[in-house]
Protein backbone atom coordinates (compact mmCIF):
# COMPACT_ATOMS: atom_id res chain seq x y z
CA MET A 1 10.37 -11.81 6.14
CA ASP A 2 13.84 -10.47 5.29
CA GLU A 3 12.67 -9.56 1.80
CA THR A 4 9.70 -7.68 3.28
CA ARG A 5 12.06 -5.86 5.65
CA GLN A 6 14.35 -4.87 2.77
CA THR A 7 11.35 -3.65 0.78
CA TYR A 8 10.16 -1.54 3.72
CA ASP A 9 13.65 -0.14 4.28
CA ARG A 10 13.93 0.88 0.62
CA GLN A 11 10.47 2.45 0.72
CA HIS A 12 11.32 4.34 3.87
CA ARG A 13 14.50 5.80 2.42
CA ASN A 14 12.95 6.64 -0.96
CA GLY A 15 9.49 7.64 0.27
CA LEU A 16 10.69 10.26 2.74
CA ARG A 17 12.87 11.94 0.16
CA MET A 18 10.24 12.12 -2.57
CA SER A 19 7.03 13.12 -0.84
CA GLY A 20 7.92 14.24 2.66
CA GLN A 21 5.53 11.59 4.06
CA HIS A 22 6.43 8.58 6.11
CA PRO A 23 5.89 5.38 4.08
CA LEU A 24 3.47 4.05 6.71
CA GLU A 25 1.32 7.17 6.29
CA ARG A 26 1.39 6.79 2.50
CA GLN A 27 0.44 3.11 2.75
CA TRP A 28 -2.47 3.95 5.04
CA ILE A 29 -3.66 6.51 2.49
CA ILE A 30 -3.46 3.83 -0.20
CA ILE A 31 -5.61 1.47 1.89
CA LYS A 32 -8.19 4.21 2.53
CA THR A 33 -8.22 5.18 -1.16
CA LEU A 34 -8.75 1.60 -2.32
CA SER A 35 -11.52 1.18 0.21
CA ALA A 36 -13.26 4.38 -0.92
CA ARG A 37 -13.09 3.82 -4.69
CA ARG A 38 -15.43 1.04 -5.69
CA TYR A 39 -13.97 0.56 -9.17
CA GLY A 40 -10.38 0.84 -8.05
CA VAL A 41 -7.54 3.14 -8.91
CA THR A 42 -4.54 2.88 -11.21
CA VAL A 43 -0.95 2.96 -10.05
CA ARG A 44 -0.53 6.20 -11.98
CA GLU A 45 -3.46 7.85 -10.19
CA LEU A 46 -2.10 6.84 -6.79
CA ALA A 47 1.37 8.08 -7.70
CA ASP A 48 0.01 11.44 -8.89
CA ASP A 49 -2.20 11.85 -5.82
CA LEU A 50 0.62 11.04 -3.39
CA GLY A 51 3.45 12.77 -5.24
CA VAL A 52 5.66 9.69 -5.57
CA SER A 53 6.82 7.48 -8.42
CA GLN A 54 4.77 4.62 -9.83
CA LYS A 55 7.56 2.28 -8.75
CA THR A 56 7.09 3.41 -5.13
CA ILE A 57 3.35 2.72 -5.37
CA ARG A 58 3.98 -0.75 -6.81
CA ARG A 59 6.33 -1.53 -3.92
CA ASP A 60 3.73 -0.27 -1.43
CA LEU A 61 1.02 -2.42 -3.03
CA LYS A 62 3.30 -5.46 -2.98
CA LEU A 63 4.12 -4.90 0.69
CA LEU A 64 0.45 -4.45 1.63
CA ASP A 65 -0.40 -7.66 -0.24
CA GLU A 66 2.42 -9.54 1.56
CA LEU A 67 1.11 -8.29 4.90
CA GLY A 68 -2.29 -9.78 4.10
CA PHE A 69 -4.40 -6.80 3.11
CA PRO A 70 -7.10 -7.97 0.68
CA ILE A 71 -6.13 -5.97 -2.39
CA LYS A 72 -5.83 -7.14 -5.98
CA PRO A 73 -5.38 -5.82 -9.50
CA ARG A 74 -8.35 -5.98 -11.84
CA GLU A 75 -8.23 -5.28 -15.55
CA GLY A 76 -10.12 -2.12 -16.32
CA ALA A 77 -10.93 -0.08 -19.38
CA HIS A 78 -8.41 -0.19 -22.23
CA GLY A 79 -6.53 -3.05 -20.56
CA ARG A 80 -5.24 -0.92 -17.68
CA ASN A 81 -5.01 -2.53 -14.27
CA HIS A 82 -7.01 -0.95 -11.48
CA TRP A 83 -6.14 -1.93 -7.93
CA VAL A 84 -9.20 -2.65 -5.85
CA ALA A 85 -9.96 -3.64 -2.30
CA ASP A 86 -11.50 -7.08 -2.11
CA SER A 87 -14.40 -5.64 -0.17
CA THR A 88 -17.75 -6.70 1.11
CA ASN A 89 -20.57 -4.18 1.57
CA GLY A 90 -18.36 -1.31 0.42
CA THR A 91 -15.82 -1.56 3.24
CA LEU A 92 -12.33 -3.02 3.29
CA PRO A 93 -12.22 -6.08 5.53
CA LEU A 94 -8.94 -5.73 7.37
CA PRO A 95 -7.00 -8.96 7.74
CA GLY A 96 -7.34 -9.15 11.51
CA TRP A 97 -5.32 -8.35 14.58
CA ARG A 98 -2.57 -10.84 13.80
CA CYS A 99 -1.68 -9.16 10.52
CA LEU A 100 -2.07 -5.64 11.89
CA SER A 101 0.02 -6.36 14.96
CA ARG A 102 2.68 -7.97 12.80
CA ALA A 103 2.78 -4.88 10.57
CA CYS A 104 2.99 -2.55 13.58
CA MET A 105 5.71 -4.60 15.25
CA TYR A 106 7.62 -4.71 12.00
CA CYS A 107 7.44 -0.93 11.59
CA MET A 108 8.42 -0.35 15.21
CA SER A 109 11.49 -2.56 14.76
CA CYS A 110 12.89 -0.08 12.25
CA SER A 111 15.56 1.95 13.99
CA ASP A 112 14.40 5.32 12.66
CA PHE A 113 10.65 4.89 13.11
C-alpha cells in the first residue's frame, strides 16, 4: 500500500499543477469516460481531454487498476492500446463497497485533501 500512497502523492502534486483539477476528480472523469466509450479510449485521448501528460494518465490508470476498478488495455486499430472498462450491459461494474471505501479512506488520509 505504500507504493500506492506514493503514486497518489506524486499524482496529487503533479496533477494540481498541470490541470488545476484535483487528481481524484480527474480519476473519476477517467472512470466515467471509460464507462461511456464502448470501444475504449487511448492514453493520448484522455491526456488531451483532461489537459495533463500521458504519463499522468498512465499513473492514474495504474492506480485505478490497483484499487480494483475493472479496467484493462485492449489492442485497437494500428496496434494502439485502448483502455476499456470491463463492463457488462454497457455499464461499469464498480468493485464494491470495500474497494470504494478503501479508496475514500486512502484519499482522506492525505494531509492536504
